[in-house]
């Protein structure tokens, strides 16, 4: 078994990041040559649908 402290402190650790931390990580790990776009749209609901 490992140390569970990182899991217990996860919310505080995430909230400790600021925008410059996220920007630095993006520059380090994300390639401008390999990316994709995802679009989420709500499922349309028919007014005639009863269920």
PDB file of N, CA and C in Angstrom:
ATOM      1  N   UNK A   1       0.841  -1.177   0.000  1.00  0.00           N
ATOM      2  CA  UNK A   1       0.000   0.000   0.000  1.00  0.00           C
ATOM      3  C   UNK A   1       0.888   1.243   0.000  1.00  0.00           C
ATOM      4  N   UNK A   2       0.416   2.241  -0.700  1.00  0.00           N
ATOM      5  CA  UNK A   2       1.159   3.483  -0.799  1.00  0.00           C
ATOM      6  C   UNK A   2       0.583   4.547   0.116  1.00  0.00           C
ATOM      7  N   UNK A   3       1.153   5.710   0.017  1.00  0.00           N
ATOM      8  CA  UNK A   3       0.722   6.858   0.810  1.00  0.00           C
ATOM      9  C   UNK A   3      -0.537   7.458   0.183  1.00  0.00           C
ATOM     10  N   UNK A   4      -1.598   7.610   0.941  1.00  0.00           N
ATOM     11  CA  UNK A   4      -2.846   8.163   0.408  1.00  0.00           C
ATOM     12  C   UNK A   4      -2.948   9.674   0.603  1.00  0.00           C
ATOM     13  N   UNK A   5      -1.942  10.290   1.214  1.00  0.00           N
ATOM     14  CA  UNK A   5      -1.983  11.738   1.461  1.00  0.00           C
ATOM     15  C   UNK A   5      -2.218  12.535   0.175  1.00  0.00           C
ATOM     16  N   UNK A   6      -1.556  12.206  -0.951  1.00  0.00           N
ATOM     17  CA  UNK A   6      -1.833  12.971  -2.174  1.00  0.00           C
ATOM     18  C   UNK A   6      -3.304  12.917  -2.590  1.00  0.00           C
ATOM     19  N   UNK A   7      -3.949  11.780  -2.400  1.00  0.00           N
ATOM     20  CA  UNK A   7      -5.364  11.668  -2.755  1.00  0.00           C
ATOM     21  C   UNK A   7      -6.233  12.495  -1.815  1.00  0.00           C
ATOM     22  N   UNK A   8      -5.881  12.506  -0.548  1.00  0.00           N
ATOM     23  CA  UNK A   8      -6.665  13.265   0.427  1.00  0.00           C
ATOM     24  C   UNK A   8      -6.490  14.766   0.240  1.00  0.00           C
ATOM     25  N   UNK A   9      -5.332  15.179  -0.261  1.00  0.00           N
ATOM     26  CA  UNK A   9      -5.038  16.604  -0.439  1.00  0.00           C
ATOM     27  C   UNK A   9      -5.257  17.084  -1.870  1.00  0.00           C
ATOM     28  N   UNK A  10      -5.817  16.229  -2.706  1.00  0.00           N
ATOM     29  CA  UNK A  10      -5.975  16.538  -4.129  1.00  0.00           C
ATOM     30  C   UNK A  10      -6.720  17.854  -4.376  1.00  0.00           C
ATOM     31  N   UNK A  11      -7.882  18.091  -3.761  1.00  0.00           N
ATOM     32  CA  UNK A  11      -8.583  19.356  -4.029  1.00  0.00           C
ATOM     33  C   UNK A  11      -7.736  20.591  -3.693  1.00  0.00           C
ATOM     34  N   UNK A  12      -7.047  20.561  -2.576  1.00  0.00           N
ATOM     35  CA  UNK A  12      -6.211  21.696  -2.199  1.00  0.00           C
ATOM     36  C   UNK A  12      -5.039  21.862  -3.167  1.00  0.00           C
ATOM     37  N   UNK A  13      -4.479  20.737  -3.608  1.00  0.00           N
ATOM     38  CA  UNK A  13      -3.362  20.806  -4.553  1.00  0.00           C
ATOM     39  C   UNK A  13      -3.791  21.403  -5.881  1.00  0.00           C
ATOM     40  N   UNK A  14      -4.952  21.010  -6.375  1.00  0.00           N
ATOM     41  CA  UNK A  14      -5.460  21.544  -7.639  1.00  0.00           C
ATOM     42  C   UNK A  14      -5.771  23.034  -7.503  1.00  0.00           C
ATOM     43  N   UNK A  15      -6.393  23.423  -6.397  1.00  0.00           N
ATOM     44  CA  UNK A  15      -6.748  24.827  -6.201  1.00  0.00           C
ATOM     45  C   UNK A  15      -5.524  25.716  -6.010  1.00  0.00           C
ATOM     46  N   UNK A  16      -4.382  25.121  -5.697  1.00  0.00           N
ATOM     47  CA  UNK A  16      -3.158  25.905  -5.504  1.00  0.00           C
ATOM     48  C   UNK A  16      -2.552  26.368  -6.827  1.00  0.00           C
ATOM     49  N   UNK A  17      -2.954  25.733  -7.949  1.00  0.00           N
ATOM     50  CA  UNK A  17      -2.444  26.152  -9.257  1.00  0.00           C
ATOM     51  C   UNK A  17      -3.051  27.491  -9.649  1.00  0.00           C
ATOM     52  N   UNK A  18      -2.243  28.323 -10.309  1.00  0.00           N
ATOM     53  CA  UNK A  18      -2.789  29.557 -10.866  1.00  0.00           C
ATOM     54  C   UNK A  18      -2.652  29.495 -12.384  1.00  0.00           C
ATOM     55  N   UNK A  19      -3.112  30.519 -13.067  1.00  0.00           N
ATOM     56  CA  UNK A  19      -3.136  30.486 -14.530  1.00  0.00           C
ATOM     57  C   UNK A  19      -1.743  30.346 -15.134  1.00  0.00           C
ATOM     58  N   UNK A  20      -0.725  30.919 -14.509  1.00  0.00           N
ATOM     59  CA  UNK A  20       0.625  30.791 -15.064  1.00  0.00           C
ATOM     60  C   UNK A  20       1.137  29.356 -14.931  1.00  0.00           C
ATOM     61  N   UNK A  21       0.772  28.656 -13.859  1.00  0.00           N
ATOM     62  CA  UNK A  21       1.147  27.244 -13.714  1.00  0.00           C
ATOM     63  C   UNK A  21       0.538  26.410 -14.838  1.00  0.00           C
ATOM     64  N   UNK A  22      -0.732  26.660 -15.121  1.00  0.00           N
ATOM     65  CA  UNK A  22      -1.433  25.914 -16.160  1.00  0.00           C
ATOM     66  C   UNK A  22      -0.855  26.235 -17.535  1.00  0.00           C
ATOM     67  N   UNK A  23      -0.536  27.497 -17.765  1.00  0.00           N
ATOM     68  CA  UNK A  23       0.060  27.889 -19.038  1.00  0.00           C
ATOM     69  C   UNK A  23       1.422  27.219 -19.230  1.00  0.00           C
ATOM     70  N   UNK A  24       2.241  27.177 -18.196  1.00  0.00           N
ATOM     71  CA  UNK A  24       3.556  26.538 -18.291  1.00  0.00           C
ATOM     72  C   UNK A  24       3.414  25.040 -18.578  1.00  0.00           C
ATOM     73  N   UNK A  25       2.462  24.382 -17.935  1.00  0.00           N
ATOM     74  CA  UNK A  25       2.233  22.961 -18.183  1.00  0.00           C
ATOM     75  C   UNK A  25       1.760  22.739 -19.621  1.00  0.00           C
ATOM     76  N   UNK A  26       0.876  23.600 -20.095  1.00  0.00           N
ATOM     77  CA  UNK A  26       0.381  23.478 -21.469  1.00  0.00           C
ATOM     78  C   UNK A  26       1.527  23.643 -22.463  1.00  0.00           C
ATOM     79  N   UNK A  27       2.379  24.615 -22.245  1.00  0.00           N
ATOM     80  CA  UNK A  27       3.515  24.825 -23.140  1.00  0.00           C
ATOM     81  C   UNK A  27       4.474  23.636 -23.125  1.00  0.00           C
ATOM     82  N   UNK A  28       4.616  23.012 -21.982  1.00  0.00           N
ATOM     83  CA  UNK A  28       5.535  21.887 -21.851  1.00  0.00           C
ATOM     84  C   UNK A  28       4.973  20.602 -22.455  1.00  0.00           C
ATOM     85  N   UNK A  29       3.686  20.321 -22.223  1.00  0.00           N
ATOM     86  CA  UNK A  29       3.140  19.007 -22.555  1.00  0.00           C
ATOM     87  C   UNK A  29       2.232  18.958 -23.782  1.00  0.00           C
ATOM     88  N   UNK A  30       1.713  20.082 -24.230  1.00  0.00           N
ATOM     89  CA  UNK A  30       0.793  20.070 -25.369  1.00  0.00           C
ATOM     90  C   UNK A  30       1.488  20.560 -26.625  1.00  0.00           C
ATOM     91  N   UNK A  31       1.305  19.841 -27.702  1.00  0.00           N
ATOM     92  CA  UNK A  31       1.919  20.201 -28.972  1.00  0.00           C
ATOM     93  C   UNK A  31       0.949  21.032 -29.797  1.00  0.00           C
ATOM     94  N   UNK A  32       1.458  22.089 -30.422  1.00  0.00           N
ATOM     95  CA  UNK A  32       0.606  22.903 -31.297  1.00  0.00           C
ATOM     96  C   UNK A  32       0.337  22.171 -32.613  1.00  0.00           C
ATOM     97  N   UNK A  33       1.079  21.088 -32.868  1.00  0.00           N
ATOM     98  CA  UNK A  33       0.900  20.325 -34.095  1.00  0.00           C
ATOM     99  C   UNK A  33      -0.044  19.135 -33.928  1.00  0.00           C
ATOM    100  N   UNK A  34      -0.446  18.843 -32.713  1.00  0.00           N
ATOM    101  CA  UNK A  34      -1.303  17.685 -32.464  1.00  0.00           C
ATOM    102  C   UNK A  34      -2.397  18.089 -31.483  1.00  0.00           C
ATOM    103  N   UNK A  35      -3.534  18.443 -32.029  1.00  0.00           N
ATOM    104  CA  UNK A  35      -4.643  18.838 -31.167  1.00  0.00           C
ATOM    105  C   UNK A  35      -5.962  18.489 -31.838  1.00  0.00           C
ATOM    106  N   UNK A  36      -7.013  18.532 -31.090  1.00  0.00           N
ATOM    107  CA  UNK A  36      -8.342  18.260 -31.616  1.00  0.00           C
ATOM    108  C   UNK A  36      -9.347  19.180 -30.953  1.00  0.00           C
ATOM    109  N   UNK A  37     -10.516  19.218 -31.515  1.00  0.00           N
ATOM    110  CA  UNK A  37     -11.587  20.055 -30.984  1.00  0.00           C
ATOM    111  C   UNK A  37     -12.783  19.166 -30.705  1.00  0.00           C
ATOM    112  N   UNK A  38     -13.365  19.335 -29.546  1.00  0.00           N
ATOM    113  CA  UNK A  38     -14.562  18.588 -29.171  1.00  0.00           C
ATOM    114  C   UNK A  38     -15.669  19.584 -28.879  1.00  0.00           C
ATOM    115  N   UNK A  39     -16.842  19.337 -29.424  1.00  0.00           N
ATOM    116  CA  UNK A  39     -17.994  20.214 -29.206  1.00  0.00           C
ATOM    117  C   UNK A  39     -19.095  19.389 -28.552  1.00  0.00           C
ATOM    118  N   UNK A  40     -19.589  19.854 -27.429  1.00  0.00           N
ATOM    119  CA  UNK A  40     -20.708  19.206 -26.750  1.00  0.00           C
ATOM    120  C   UNK A  40     -21.958  20.024 -26.991  1.00  0.00           C
ATOM    121  N   UNK A  41     -23.014  19.337 -27.338  1.00  0.00           N
ATOM    122  CA  UNK A  41     -24.295  20.003 -27.537  1.00  0.00           C
ATOM    123  C   UNK A  41     -25.348  19.212 -26.779  1.00  0.00           C
ATOM    124  N   UNK A  42     -26.332  19.905 -26.234  1.00  0.00           N
ATOM    125  CA  UNK A  42     -27.388  19.170 -25.526  1.00  0.00           C
ATOM    126  C   UNK A  42     -28.199  18.333 -26.518  1.00  0.00           C
ATOM    127  N   UNK A  43     -28.678  17.203 -26.024  1.00  0.00           N
ATOM    128  CA  UNK A  43     -29.526  16.355 -26.844  1.00  0.00           C
ATOM    129  C   UNK A  43     -30.837  17.085 -27.118  1.00  0.00           C
ATOM    130  N   UNK A  44     -31.245  17.116 -28.366  1.00  0.00           N
ATOM    131  CA  UNK A  44     -32.491  17.803 -28.667  1.00  0.00           C
ATOM    132  C   UNK A  44     -33.660  17.023 -28.094  1.00  0.00           C
ATOM    133  N   UNK A  45     -34.642  17.738 -27.631  1.00  0.00           N
ATOM    134  CA  UNK A  45     -35.828  17.131 -27.030  1.00  0.00           C
ATOM    135  C   UNK A  45     -37.025  17.474 -27.874  1.00  0.00           C
ATOM    136  N   UNK A  46     -37.735  16.447 -28.278  1.00  0.00           N
ATOM    137  CA  UNK A  46     -38.934  16.650 -29.078  1.00  0.00           C
ATOM    138  C   UNK A  46     -40.099  17.008 -28.162  1.00  0.00           C
ATOM    139  N   UNK A  47     -40.902  17.980 -28.577  1.00  0.00           N
ATOM    140  CA  UNK A  47     -42.089  18.357 -27.794  1.00  0.00           C
ATOM    141  C   UNK A  47     -43.133  17.246 -27.824  1.00  0.00           C
ATOM    142  N   UNK A  48     -43.039  16.340 -28.800  1.00  0.00           N
ATOM    143  CA  UNK A  48     -43.994  15.244 -28.916  1.00  0.00           C
ATOM    144  C   UNK A  48     -43.552  14.023 -28.104  1.00  0.00           C
ATOM    145  N   UNK A  49     -42.371  14.050 -27.542  1.00  0.00           N
ATOM    146  CA  UNK A  49     -41.828  12.917 -26.802  1.00  0.00           C
ATOM    147  C   UNK A  49     -42.503  12.845 -25.428  1.00  0.00           C
ATOM    148  N   UNK A  50     -43.062  11.691 -25.086  1.00  0.00           N
ATOM    149  CA  UNK A  50     -43.746  11.529 -23.805  1.00  0.00           C
ATOM    150  C   UNK A  50     -42.878  10.834 -22.775  1.00  0.00           C
ATOM    151  N   UNK A  51     -41.632  10.618 -23.045  1.00  0.00           N
ATOM    152  CA  UNK A  51     -40.925   9.868 -22.042  1.00  0.00           C
ATOM    153  C   UNK A  51     -39.485   9.885 -22.174  1.00  0.00           C
TER     154      UNK A  51
END
